[in-house]
PDB file of N, CA and C in Angstrom:
ATOM      1  N   GLN A   1      86.323 -48.977 101.333  1.00  0.00           N
ATOM      2  CA  GLN A   1      86.392 -47.814 102.327  1.00  0.00           C
ATOM      3  C   GLN A   1      85.662 -48.653 103.643  1.00  0.00           C
ATOM      4  N   VAL A   2      86.206 -48.693 104.722  1.00  0.00           N
ATOM      5  CA  VAL A   2      85.518 -49.005 105.457  1.00  0.00           C
ATOM      6  C   VAL A   2      84.178 -47.751 105.771  1.00  0.00           C
ATOM      7  N   LYS A   3      83.323 -48.835 106.316  1.00  0.00           N
ATOM      8  CA  LYS A   3      82.068 -47.349 106.990  1.00  0.00           C
ATOM      9  C   LYS A   3      81.157 -47.746 108.119  1.00  0.00           C
ATOM     10  N   ILE A   4      81.033 -47.020 109.163  1.00  0.00           N
ATOM     11  CA  ILE A   4      80.218 -47.314 110.084  1.00  0.00           C
ATOM     12  C   ILE A   4      79.173 -46.749 110.535  1.00  0.00           C
ATOM     13  N   VAL A   5      78.066 -47.564 110.475  1.00  0.00           N
ATOM     14  CA  VAL A   5      76.831 -46.371 110.762  1.00  0.00           C
ATOM     15  C   VAL A   5      76.226 -47.366 111.788  1.00  0.00           C
ATOM     16  N   GLU A   6      75.880 -46.019 113.225  1.00  0.00           N
ATOM     17  CA  GLU A   6      75.313 -46.732 114.376  1.00  0.00           C
ATOM     18  C   GLU A   6      73.665 -45.889 113.740  1.00  0.00           C
ATOM     19  N   SER A   7      72.644 -46.501 114.411  1.00  0.00           N
ATOM     20  CA  SER A   7      70.891 -46.215 114.448  1.00  0.00           C
ATOM     21  C   SER A   7      70.765 -47.023 115.695  1.00  0.00           C
ATOM     22  N   GLY A   8      69.119 -46.755 115.760  1.00  0.00           N
ATOM     23  CA  GLY A   8      68.921 -47.137 116.829  1.00  0.00           C
ATOM     24  C   GLY A   8      68.530 -45.772 118.130  1.00  0.00           C
ATOM     25  N   GLY A   9      69.621 -45.029 118.125  1.00  0.00           N
ATOM     26  CA  GLY A   9      68.999 -43.819 118.865  1.00  0.00           C
ATOM     27  C   GLY A   9      67.766 -43.236 119.386  1.00  0.00           C
ATOM     28  N   GLY A  10      67.534 -42.457 120.337  1.00  0.00           N
ATOM     29  CA  GLY A  10      66.006 -41.797 119.993  1.00  0.00           C
ATOM     30  C   GLY A  10      65.648 -41.495 121.821  1.00  0.00           C
ATOM     31  N   LEU A  11      64.018 -40.749 122.164  1.00  0.00           N
ATOM     32  CA  LEU A  11      64.040 -41.003 122.978  1.00  0.00           C
ATOM     33  C   LEU A  11      64.015 -41.935 124.120  1.00  0.00           C
ATOM     34  N   VAL A  12      64.395 -41.575 125.258  1.00  0.00           N
ATOM     35  CA  VAL A  12      63.966 -43.225 126.142  1.00  0.00           C
ATOM     36  C   VAL A  12      63.765 -42.528 127.430  1.00  0.00           C
ATOM     37  N   GLN A  13      62.398 -43.415 128.679  1.00  0.00           N
ATOM     38  CA  GLN A  13      62.453 -42.487 129.246  1.00  0.00           C
ATOM     39  C   GLN A  13      63.416 -43.563 130.304  1.00  0.00           C
ATOM     40  N   PRO A  14      63.279 -42.693 131.807  1.00  0.00           N
ATOM     41  CA  PRO A  14      64.185 -43.125 132.435  1.00  0.00           C
ATOM     42  C   PRO A  14      63.867 -44.918 133.136  1.00  0.00           C
ATOM     43  N   GLY A  15      64.941 -45.010 132.750  1.00  0.00           N
ATOM     44  CA  GLY A  15      64.348 -46.919 133.434  1.00  0.00           C
ATOM     45  C   GLY A  15      63.726 -47.925 131.857  1.00  0.00           C
ATOM     46  N   GLY A  16      64.307 -47.098 131.268  1.00  0.00           N
ATOM     47  CA  GLY A  16      63.398 -47.955 129.559  1.00  0.00           C
ATOM     48  C   GLY A  16      64.874 -48.605 129.278  1.00  0.00           C
ATOM     49  N   SER A  17      64.280 -49.085 128.369  1.00  0.00           N
ATOM     50  CA  SER A  17      65.137 -49.904 127.084  1.00  0.00           C
ATOM     51  C   SER A  17      65.592 -49.515 125.790  1.00  0.00           C
ATOM     52  N   LEU A  18      66.256 -49.341 125.622  1.00  0.00           N
ATOM     53  CA  LEU A  18      66.712 -49.348 123.780  1.00  0.00           C
ATOM     54  C   LEU A  18      67.493 -50.768 123.257  1.00  0.00           C
ATOM     55  N   THR A  19      67.454 -50.636 121.927  1.00  0.00           N
ATOM     56  CA  THR A  19      69.251 -51.527 121.258  1.00  0.00           C
ATOM     57  C   THR A  19      69.059 -51.209 119.736  1.00  0.00           C
ATOM     58  N   LEU A  20      70.834 -50.510 120.360  1.00  0.00           N
ATOM     59  CA  LEU A  20      71.958 -49.891 119.370  1.00  0.00           C
ATOM     60  C   LEU A  20      71.626 -51.398 117.911  1.00  0.00           C
ATOM     61  N   SER A  21      71.819 -50.118 117.327  1.00  0.00           N
ATOM     62  CA  SER A  21      72.479 -50.888 115.520  1.00  0.00           C
ATOM     63  C   SER A  21      74.525 -50.592 115.287  1.00  0.00           C
ATOM     64  N   CYS A  22      75.143 -51.535 114.967  1.00  0.00           N
ATOM     65  CA  CYS A  22      76.160 -50.382 114.139  1.00  0.00           C
ATOM     66  C   CYS A  22      76.607 -52.230 113.138  1.00  0.00           C
ATOM     67  N   THR A  23      76.505 -51.158 111.781  1.00  0.00           N
ATOM     68  CA  THR A  23      76.698 -51.777 110.777  1.00  0.00           C
ATOM     69  C   THR A  23      77.631 -51.210 109.895  1.00  0.00           C
ATOM     70  N   ALA A  24      78.044 -51.919 109.834  1.00  0.00           N
ATOM     71  CA  ALA A  24      80.073 -52.613 109.481  1.00  0.00           C
ATOM     72  C   ALA A  24      80.550 -52.264 107.947  1.00  0.00           C
ATOM     73  N   SER A  25      80.822 -51.884 107.360  1.00  0.00           N
ATOM     74  CA  SER A  25      80.788 -52.224 105.781  1.00  0.00           C
ATOM     75  C   SER A  25      82.670 -52.354 105.398  1.00  0.00           C
ATOM     76  N   GLY A  26      83.594 -52.826 104.107  1.00  0.00           N
ATOM     77  CA  GLY A  26      84.525 -52.696 103.517  1.00  0.00           C
ATOM     78  C   GLY A  26      86.055 -52.809 105.172  1.00  0.00           C
ATOM     79  N   TYR A  27      85.598 -53.759 105.340  1.00  0.00           N
ATOM     80  CA  TYR A  27      86.417 -54.437 106.119  1.00  0.00           C
ATOM     81  C   TYR A  27      85.882 -56.380 106.803  1.00  0.00           C
ATOM     82  N   PRO A  28      87.126 -56.962 107.536  1.00  0.00           N
ATOM     83  CA  PRO A  28      86.297 -58.012 107.454  1.00  0.00           C
ATOM     84  C   PRO A  28      86.001 -58.167 108.725  1.00  0.00           C
ATOM     85  N   PHE A  29      84.411 -58.051 108.871  1.00  0.00           N
ATOM     86  CA  PHE A  29      83.739 -57.641 109.919  1.00  0.00           C
ATOM     87  C   PHE A  29      83.745 -59.016 111.120  1.00  0.00           C
ATOM     88  N   SER A  30      84.031 -60.115 110.983  1.00  0.00           N
ATOM     89  CA  SER A  30      84.398 -60.608 111.640  1.00  0.00           C
ATOM     90  C   SER A  30      85.416 -60.919 112.325  1.00  0.00           C
ATOM     91  N   ASP A  31      86.565 -60.147 112.331  1.00  0.00           N
ATOM     92  CA  ASP A  31      87.783 -60.922 112.143  1.00  0.00           C
ATOM     93  C   ASP A  31      88.153 -59.396 113.345  1.00  0.00           C
ATOM     94  N   PHE A  32      87.442 -58.722 113.770  1.00  0.00           N
ATOM     95  CA  PHE A  32      87.476 -57.096 114.296  1.00  0.00           C
ATOM     96  C   PHE A  32      86.432 -57.189 115.991  1.00  0.00           C
ATOM     97  N   ALA A  33      87.354 -56.607 116.606  1.00  0.00           N
ATOM     98  CA  ALA A  33      86.032 -56.176 118.097  1.00  0.00           C
ATOM     99  C   ALA A  33      85.167 -55.334 118.290  1.00  0.00           C
ATOM    100  N   MET A  34      84.333 -55.213 118.711  1.00  0.00           N
ATOM    101  CA  MET A  34      83.735 -53.872 117.871  1.00  0.00           C
ATOM    102  C   MET A  34      83.793 -53.259 119.658  1.00  0.00           C
ATOM    103  N   ALA A  35      83.851 -52.433 120.011  1.00  0.00           N
ATOM    104  CA  ALA A  35      83.489 -50.971 121.012  1.00  0.00           C
ATOM    105  C   ALA A  35      82.530 -50.292 120.440  1.00  0.00           C
ATOM    106  N   TRP A  36      81.826 -49.961 121.638  1.00  0.00           N
ATOM    107  CA  TRP A  36      80.362 -49.085 121.753  1.00  0.00           C
ATOM    108  C   TRP A  36      81.295 -48.059 122.693  1.00  0.00           C
ATOM    109  N   TYR A  37      81.001 -47.016 123.074  1.00  0.00           N
ATOM    110  CA  TYR A  37      81.144 -45.388 123.784  1.00  0.00           C
ATOM    111  C   TYR A  37      80.106 -45.200 123.472  1.00  0.00           C
ATOM    112  N   ARG A  38      80.027 -43.852 124.443  1.00  0.00           N
ATOM    113  CA  ARG A  38      78.954 -43.047 124.935  1.00  0.00           C
ATOM    114  C   ARG A  38      80.102 -42.170 125.228  1.00  0.00           C
ATOM    115  N   GLN A  39      79.945 -40.728 125.044  1.00  0.00           N
ATOM    116  CA  GLN A  39      79.918 -39.100 124.966  1.00  0.00           C
ATOM    117  C   GLN A  39      78.786 -38.611 125.518  1.00  0.00           C
ATOM    118  N   ALA A  40      78.802 -38.515 126.763  1.00  0.00           N
ATOM    119  CA  ALA A  40      77.734 -37.483 127.212  1.00  0.00           C
ATOM    120  C   ALA A  40      77.790 -36.071 126.986  1.00  0.00           C
ATOM    121  N   PRO A  41      76.751 -35.226 126.918  1.00  0.00           N
ATOM    122  CA  PRO A  41      77.258 -33.897 126.382  1.00  0.00           C
ATOM    123  C   PRO A  41      78.730 -32.907 127.437  1.00  0.00           C
ATOM    124  N   GLY A  42      79.221 -32.463 126.720  1.00  0.00           N
ATOM    125  CA  GLY A  42      80.505 -32.497 127.490  1.00  0.00           C
ATOM    126  C   GLY A  42      81.661 -32.533 128.273  1.00  0.00           C
ATOM    127  N   LYS A  43      81.209 -34.026 127.878  1.00  0.00           N
ATOM    128  CA  LYS A  43      82.331 -34.757 128.667  1.00  0.00           C
ATOM    129  C   LYS A  43      82.927 -35.648 127.295  1.00  0.00           C
ATOM    130  N   GLU A  44      83.932 -36.653 127.921  1.00  0.00           N
ATOM    131  CA  GLU A  44      84.778 -37.777 127.233  1.00  0.00           C
ATOM    132  C   GLU A  44      84.104 -38.231 126.721  1.00  0.00           C
ATOM    133  N   ARG A  45      85.296 -38.824 125.673  1.00  0.00           N
ATOM    134  CA  ARG A  45      84.349 -40.446 125.468  1.00  0.00           C
ATOM    135  C   ARG A  45      84.774 -41.771 126.243  1.00  0.00           C
ATOM    136  N   VAL A  46      83.603 -42.243 126.108  1.00  0.00           N
ATOM    137  CA  VAL A  46      84.159 -43.244 127.562  1.00  0.00           C
ATOM    138  C   VAL A  46      83.399 -45.037 126.795  1.00  0.00           C
ATOM    139  N   GLU A  47      84.445 -45.639 126.569  1.00  0.00           N
ATOM    140  CA  GLU A  47      83.987 -46.988 126.119  1.00  0.00           C
ATOM    141  C   GLU A  47      84.070 -47.406 127.794  1.00  0.00           C
ATOM    142  N   ILE A  48      82.785 -48.359 126.528  1.00  0.00           N
ATOM    143  CA  ILE A  48      81.139 -49.291 128.043  1.00  0.00           C
ATOM    144  C   ILE A  48      81.079 -50.395 127.186  1.00  0.00           C
ATOM    145  N   ALA A  49      81.607 -50.933 126.047  1.00  0.00           N
ATOM    146  CA  ALA A  49      81.267 -51.692 125.768  1.00  0.00           C
ATOM    147  C   ALA A  49      82.638 -52.482 125.061  1.00  0.00           C
ATOM    148  N   THR A  50      82.532 -54.796 125.039  1.00  0.00           N
ATOM    149  CA  THR A  50      83.337 -54.821 123.837  1.00  0.00           C
ATOM    150  C   THR A  50      82.707 -55.985 123.792  1.00  0.00           C
ATOM    151  N   ILE A  51      83.041 -56.252 121.966  1.00  0.00           N
ATOM    152  CA  ILE A  51      82.882 -57.905 122.111  1.00  0.00           C
ATOM    153  C   ILE A  51      84.206 -58.141 120.863  1.00  0.00           C
ATOM    154  N   GLY A  52      84.278 -59.414 121.067  1.00  0.00           N
ATOM    155  CA  GLY A  52      85.791 -59.753 120.742  1.00  0.00           C
ATOM    156  C   GLY A  52      85.389 -60.810 119.520  1.00  0.00           C
ATOM    157  N   THR A  53      86.772 -61.277 118.541  1.00  0.00           N
ATOM    158  CA  THR A  53      86.555 -61.946 117.402  1.00  0.00           C
ATOM    159  C   THR A  53      86.578 -63.602 118.643  1.00  0.00           C
ATOM    160  N   ILE A  54      87.301 -64.083 119.993  1.00  0.00           N
ATOM    161  CA  ILE A  54      87.191 -65.107 120.516  1.00  0.00           C
ATOM    162  C   ILE A  54      86.071 -65.554 120.840  1.00  0.00           C
ATOM    163  N   ARG A  55      85.150 -66.067 120.829  1.00  0.00           N
ATOM    164  CA  ARG A  55      84.346 -67.025 120.691  1.00  0.00           C
ATOM    165  C   ARG A  55      82.968 -65.679 121.239  1.00  0.00           C
ATOM    166  N   ASP A  56      83.023 -64.641 120.934  1.00  0.00           N
ATOM    167  CA  ASP A  56      81.897 -63.308 121.198  1.00  0.00           C
ATOM    168  C   ASP A  56      82.488 -62.708 122.510  1.00  0.00           C
ATOM    169  N   LEU A  57      83.360 -62.987 122.862  1.00  0.00           N
ATOM    170  CA  LEU A  57      83.486 -62.502 124.819  1.00  0.00           C
ATOM    171  C   LEU A  57      83.632 -60.614 124.653  1.00  0.00           C
ATOM    172  N   GLN A  58      82.582 -60.941 125.465  1.00  0.00           N
ATOM    173  CA  GLN A  58      82.218 -59.087 126.108  1.00  0.00           C
ATOM    174  C   GLN A  58      82.922 -58.874 127.169  1.00  0.00           C
ATOM    175  N   THR A  59      82.874 -57.156 127.419  1.00  0.00           N
ATOM    176  CA  THR A  59      84.125 -56.934 128.712  1.00  0.00           C
ATOM    177  C   THR A  59      82.777 -55.566 128.319  1.00  0.00           C
ATOM    178  N   TYR A  60      82.657 -55.261 129.457  1.00  0.00           N
ATOM    179  CA  TYR A  60      82.084 -54.214 130.158  1.00  0.00           C
ATOM    180  C   TYR A  60      82.837 -53.084 131.011  1.00  0.00           C
ATOM    181  N   ASP A  61      82.320 -52.251 130.986  1.00  0.00           N
ATOM    182  CA  ASP A  61      82.295 -50.861 131.962  1.00  0.00           C
ATOM    183  C   ASP A  61      81.947 -51.198 133.188  1.00  0.00           C
ATOM    184  N   GLU A  62      81.741 -51.502 134.768  1.00  0.00           N
ATOM    185  CA  GLU A  62      81.365 -50.786 135.895  1.00  0.00           C
ATOM    186  C   GLU A  62      79.848 -50.052 135.689  1.00  0.00           C
ATOM    187  N   SER A  63      79.748 -49.063 135.077  1.00  0.00           N
ATOM    188  CA  SER A  63      78.584 -48.239 134.732  1.00  0.00           C
ATOM    189  C   SER A  63      77.384 -48.649 134.045  1.00  0.00           C
ATOM    190  N   VAL A  64      77.774 -50.000 133.336  1.00  0.00           N
ATOM    191  CA  VAL A  64      76.720 -50.649 132.763  1.00  0.00           C
ATOM    192  C   VAL A  64      76.540 -52.094 132.753  1.00  0.00           C
ATOM    193  N   LYS A  65      77.704 -52.640 133.396  1.00  0.00           N
ATOM    194  CA  LYS A  65      77.620 -53.646 133.997  1.00  0.00           C
ATOM    195  C   LYS A  65      75.973 -54.084 134.183  1.00  0.00           C
ATOM    196  N   GLY A  66      75.663 -55.451 133.665  1.00  0.00           N
ATOM    197  CA  GLY A  66      74.365 -56.394 134.303  1.00  0.00           C
ATOM    198  C   GLY A  66      73.261 -55.524 133.825  1.00  0.00           C
ATOM    199  N   ARG A  67      73.151 -54.211 132.383  1.00  0.00           N
ATOM    200  CA  ARG A  67      72.556 -53.389 132.610  1.00  0.00           C
ATOM    201  C   ARG A  67      72.486 -53.411 130.427  1.00  0.00           C
ATOM    202  N   PHE A  68      73.265 -53.369 130.512  1.00  0.00           N
ATOM    203  CA  PHE A  68      73.676 -53.508 128.463  1.00  0.00           C
ATOM    204  C   PHE A  68      74.194 -54.904 127.923  1.00  0.00           C
ATOM    205  N   THR A  69      73.793 -55.329 127.327  1.00  0.00           N
ATOM    206  CA  THR A  69      74.741 -56.189 126.289  1.00  0.00           C
ATOM    207  C   THR A  69      74.745 -56.348 124.641  1.00  0.00           C
ATOM    208  N   ALA A  70      76.573 -56.178 124.871  1.00  0.00           N
ATOM    209  CA  ALA A  70      76.521 -56.333 123.466  1.00  0.00           C
ATOM    210  C   ALA A  70      76.469 -57.869 122.879  1.00  0.00           C
ATOM    211  N   SER A  71      76.198 -57.196 121.106  1.00  0.00           N
ATOM    212  CA  SER A  71      75.744 -59.299 120.661  1.00  0.00           C
ATOM    213  C   SER A  71      76.496 -58.462 118.824  1.00  0.00           C
ATOM    214  N   ARG A  72      76.161 -59.583 118.526  1.00  0.00           N
ATOM    215  CA  ARG A  72      76.851 -59.496 116.815  1.00  0.00           C
ATOM    216  C   ARG A  72      76.265 -60.486 115.840  1.00  0.00           C
ATOM    217  N   ASP A  73      75.595 -59.628 114.373  1.00  0.00           N
ATOM    218  CA  ASP A  73      75.055 -60.663 114.034  1.00  0.00           C
ATOM    219  C   ASP A  73      76.139 -60.749 112.687  1.00  0.00           C
ATOM    220  N   LYS A  74      76.948 -61.771 111.865  1.00  0.00           N
ATOM    221  CA  LYS A  74      78.145 -61.538 111.986  1.00  0.00           C
ATOM    222  C   LYS A  74      77.574 -61.602 110.628  1.00  0.00           C
ATOM    223  N   ALA A  75      76.188 -63.153 110.157  1.00  0.00           N
ATOM    224  CA  ALA A  75      75.801 -62.604 109.129  1.00  0.00           C
ATOM    225  C   ALA A  75      75.653 -61.438 108.112  1.00  0.00           C
ATOM    226  N   LYS A  76      75.436 -60.557 108.837  1.00  0.00           N
ATOM    227  CA  LYS A  76      74.278 -58.897 108.867  1.00  0.00           C
ATOM    228  C   LYS A  76      75.861 -58.095 108.504  1.00  0.00           C
ATOM    229  N   ASN A  77      76.814 -58.319 108.902  1.00  0.00           N
ATOM    230  CA  ASN A  77      77.592 -57.757 109.203  1.00  0.00           C
ATOM    231  C   ASN A  77      77.090 -55.940 110.627  1.00  0.00           C
ATOM    232  N   THR A  78      76.724 -57.025 111.369  1.00  0.00           N
ATOM    233  CA  THR A  78      75.702 -55.936 112.635  1.00  0.00           C
ATOM    234  C   THR A  78      76.032 -55.645 113.788  1.00  0.00           C
ATOM    235  N   ALA A  79      76.558 -55.471 114.677  1.00  0.00           N
ATOM    236  CA  ALA A  79      77.116 -55.002 116.445  1.00  0.00           C
ATOM    237  C   ALA A  79      75.947 -54.704 117.104  1.00  0.00           C
ATOM    238  N   TYR A  80      75.141 -54.807 118.223  1.00  0.00           N
ATOM    239  CA  TYR A  80      74.218 -54.428 118.443  1.00  0.00           C
ATOM    240  C   TYR A  80      74.699 -54.123 120.003  1.00  0.00           C
ATOM    241  N   LEU A  81      73.661 -53.592 120.138  1.00  0.00           N
ATOM    242  CA  LEU A  81      73.879 -53.173 122.450  1.00  0.00           C
ATOM    243  C   LEU A  81      72.447 -52.755 122.821  1.00  0.00           C
ATOM    244  N   GLN A  82      72.690 -53.727 123.421  1.00  0.00           N
ATOM    245  CA  GLN A  82      70.910 -53.725 124.278  1.00  0.00           C
ATOM    246  C   GLN A  82      70.995 -52.818 125.333  1.00  0.00           C
ATOM    247  N   MET A  83      70.417 -51.930 125.931  1.00  0.00           N
ATOM    248  CA  MET A  83      70.414 -50.855 126.785  1.00  0.00           C
ATOM    249  C   MET A  83      69.467 -51.154 127.838  1.00  0.00           C
ATOM    250  N   ASN A  84      69.367 -50.902 128.938  1.00  0.00           N
ATOM    251  CA  ASN A  84      68.388 -51.769 129.538  1.00  0.00           C
ATOM    252  C   ASN A  84      68.546 -50.613 131.186  1.00  0.00           C
ATOM    253  N   ASN A  85      67.116 -49.997 131.399  1.00  0.00           N
ATOM    254  CA  ASN A  85      67.933 -49.556 132.677  1.00  0.00           C
ATOM    255  C   ASN A  85      68.083 -47.916 132.403  1.00  0.00           C
ATOM    256  N   LEU A  86      67.759 -47.652 131.626  1.00  0.00           N
ATOM    257  CA  LEU A  86      68.773 -46.399 131.343  1.00  0.00           C
ATOM    258  C   LEU A  86      68.385 -44.720 131.720  1.00  0.00           C
ATOM    259  N   PRO A  87      69.553 -44.889 132.458  1.00  0.00           N
ATOM    260  CA  PRO A  87      69.370 -43.379 133.878  1.00  0.00           C
ATOM    261  C   PRO A  87      69.051 -42.143 133.047  1.00  0.00           C
ATOM    262  N   PRO A  88      69.033 -41.571 133.507  1.00  0.00           N
ATOM    263  CA  PRO A  88      68.727 -39.728 132.847  1.00  0.00           C
ATOM    264  C   PRO A  88      70.610 -39.227 132.539  1.00  0.00           C
ATOM    265  N   ALA A  89      71.448 -40.243 133.422  1.00  0.00           N
ATOM    266  CA  ALA A  89      72.765 -39.917 133.557  1.00  0.00           C
ATOM    267  C   ALA A  89      73.584 -40.932 131.822  1.00  0.00           C
ATOM    268  N   GLY A  90      72.482 -42.007 131.743  1.00  0.00           N
ATOM    269  CA  GLY A  90      72.379 -41.597 129.872  1.00  0.00           C
ATOM    270  C   GLY A  90      72.414 -41.145 128.884  1.00  0.00           C
ATOM    271  N   THR A  91      71.740 -39.863 128.841  1.00  0.00           N
ATOM    272  CA  THR A  91      72.347 -38.964 127.722  1.00  0.00           C
ATOM    273  C   THR A  91      73.231 -39.017 127.384  1.00  0.00           C
ATOM    274  N   ALA A  92      73.376 -39.698 125.545  1.00  0.00           N
ATOM    275  CA  ALA A  92      74.876 -38.938 125.442  1.00  0.00           C
ATOM    276  C   ALA A  92      74.891 -39.374 123.392  1.00  0.00           C
ATOM    277  N   VAL A  93      75.201 -39.402 123.069  1.00  0.00           N
ATOM    278  CA  VAL A  93      75.657 -40.437 121.657  1.00  0.00           C
ATOM    279  C   VAL A  93      76.816 -41.490 121.618  1.00  0.00           C
ATOM    280  N   TYR A  94      76.122 -42.330 121.564  1.00  0.00           N
ATOM    281  CA  TYR A  94      76.883 -43.259 121.254  1.00  0.00           C
ATOM    282  C   TYR A  94      76.679 -43.798 120.100  1.00  0.00           C
ATOM    283  N   LEU A  95      78.184 -44.990 120.270  1.00  0.00           N
ATOM    284  CA  LEU A  95      80.035 -44.748 119.114  1.00  0.00           C
ATOM    285  C   LEU A  95      79.673 -46.029 119.006  1.00  0.00           C
ATOM    286  N   CYS A  96      80.155 -46.320 117.849  1.00  0.00           N
ATOM    287  CA  CYS A  96      80.454 -48.046 117.936  1.00  0.00           C
ATOM    288  C   CYS A  96      81.876 -47.439 116.725  1.00  0.00           C
ATOM    289  N   HIS A  97      83.412 -48.227 117.291  1.00  0.00           N
ATOM    290  CA  HIS A  97      84.488 -48.432 117.004  1.00  0.00           C
ATOM    291  C   HIS A  97      85.073 -50.289 116.844  1.00  0.00           C
ATOM    292  N   PRO A  98      85.293 -50.349 115.400  1.00  0.00           N
ATOM    293  CA  PRO A  98      85.842 -51.828 115.288  1.00  0.00           C
ATOM    294  C   PRO A  98      87.019 -51.360 115.119  1.00  0.00           C
ATOM    295  N   ARG A  99      87.995 -52.734 115.886  1.00  0.00           N
ATOM    296  CA  ARG A  99      89.728 -52.659 116.937  1.00  0.00           C
ATOM    297  C   ARG A  99      90.169 -53.776 116.418  1.00  0.00           C
ATOM    298  N   PRO A 100      91.639 -53.335 115.925  1.00  0.00           N
ATOM    299  CA  PRO A 100      91.812 -51.783 115.997  1.00  0.00           C
ATOM    300  C   PRO A 100      92.333 -51.234 114.501  1.00  0.00           C
ATOM    301  N   THR A 101      91.309 -50.205 114.352  1.00  0.00           N
ATOM    302  CA  THR A 101      91.306 -49.464 113.418  1.00  0.00           C
ATOM    303  C   THR A 101      91.394 -47.931 113.595  1.00  0.00           C
ATOM    304  N   ASN A 102      91.023 -47.002 112.257  1.00  0.00           N
ATOM    305  CA  ASN A 102      91.155 -45.568 113.638  1.00  0.00           C
ATOM    306  C   ASN A 102      89.055 -45.330 112.613  1.00  0.00           C
ATOM    307  N   CYS A 103      88.471 -45.680 112.478  1.00  0.00           N
ATOM    308  CA  CYS A 103      87.742 -46.140 111.383  1.00  0.00           C
ATOM    309  C   CYS A 103      86.119 -45.831 112.932  1.00  0.00           C
ATOM    310  N   TRP A 104      85.470 -44.420 113.296  1.00  0.00           N
ATOM    311  CA  TRP A 104      84.571 -44.206 113.025  1.00  0.00           C
ATOM    312  C   TRP A 104      83.403 -43.662 112.843  1.00  0.00           C
ATOM    313  N   GLY A 105      81.879 -44.298 113.713  1.00  0.00           N
ATOM    314  CA  GLY A 105      81.098 -43.580 113.163  1.00  0.00           C
ATOM    315  C   GLY A 105      80.406 -42.102 113.016  1.00  0.00           C
ATOM    316  N   ARG A 106      79.160 -41.339 113.290  1.00  0.00           N
ATOM    317  CA  ARG A 106      78.762 -40.505 113.395  1.00  0.00           C
ATOM    318  C   ARG A 106      78.434 -40.788 114.732  1.00  0.00           C
ATOM    319  N   GLY A 107      77.849 -41.463 115.779  1.00  0.00           N
ATOM    320  CA  GLY A 107      76.822 -41.921 116.524  1.00  0.00           C
ATOM    321  C   GLY A 107      75.532 -41.997 115.958  1.00  0.00           C
ATOM    322  N   THR A 108      74.722 -41.922 118.070  1.00  0.00           N
ATOM    323  CA  THR A 108      73.516 -42.060 117.142  1.00  0.00           C
ATOM    324  C   THR A 108      72.943 -42.025 118.814  1.00  0.00           C
ATOM    325  N   GLN A 109      72.253 -41.061 118.915  1.00  0.00           N
ATOM    326  CA  GLN A 109      71.833 -39.822 120.053  1.00  0.00           C
ATOM    327  C   GLN A 109      70.549 -40.614 120.386  1.00  0.00           C
ATOM    328  N   VAL A 110      70.732 -40.400 122.386  1.00  0.00           N
ATOM    329  CA  VAL A 110      69.807 -41.449 122.645  1.00  0.00           C
ATOM    330  C   VAL A 110      70.046 -40.262 124.443  1.00  0.00           C
ATOM    331  N   PRO A 111      68.884 -39.370 123.729  1.00  0.00           N
ATOM    332  CA  PRO A 111      68.105 -38.610 125.081  1.00  0.00           C
ATOM    333  C   PRO A 111      67.540 -39.469 126.391  1.00  0.00           C
ATOM    334  N   VAL A 112      67.746 -39.484 127.719  1.00  0.00           N
ATOM    335  CA  VAL A 112      67.024 -40.124 128.752  1.00  0.00           C
ATOM    336  C   VAL A 112      66.182 -39.160 128.957  1.00  0.00           C
ATOM    337  N   SER A 113      65.165 -39.186 128.695  1.00  0.00           N
ATOM    338  CA  SER A 113      63.900 -37.901 130.129  1.00  0.00           C
ATOM    339  C   SER A 113      63.215 -38.006 130.063  1.00  0.00           C
ATOM    340  N   GLU A 114      62.231 -37.430 130.663  1.00  0.00           N
ATOM    341  CA  GLU A 114      60.504 -37.818 130.446  1.00  0.00           C
ATOM    342  C   GLU A 114      59.958 -37.425 129.823  1.00  0.00           C
TER     343      GLU A 114
END
């Protein structure tokens, strides 16, 4: 059974940094890309970063390029999202999603506020 658990969320001040973790189990972690999504209050889920299976190639949405870094530790079956210089608009639930699967975690909440 596939299980996805995001963690590391919490209150951060504007301009601050945070690293999210995504621990996965129940499937061959290294064989699947991992995508990160952001869902702001009242808005649709948006893909913001992906780390692929070939040389861990990363892609980023323009809104986070240069500020966010996706990575993963295959020995720990864990993916990470380093987020820097977070603006108030970064307030959202952040989720990870192994592709191609139908599996999602519950997400981790990141409020960005003074």
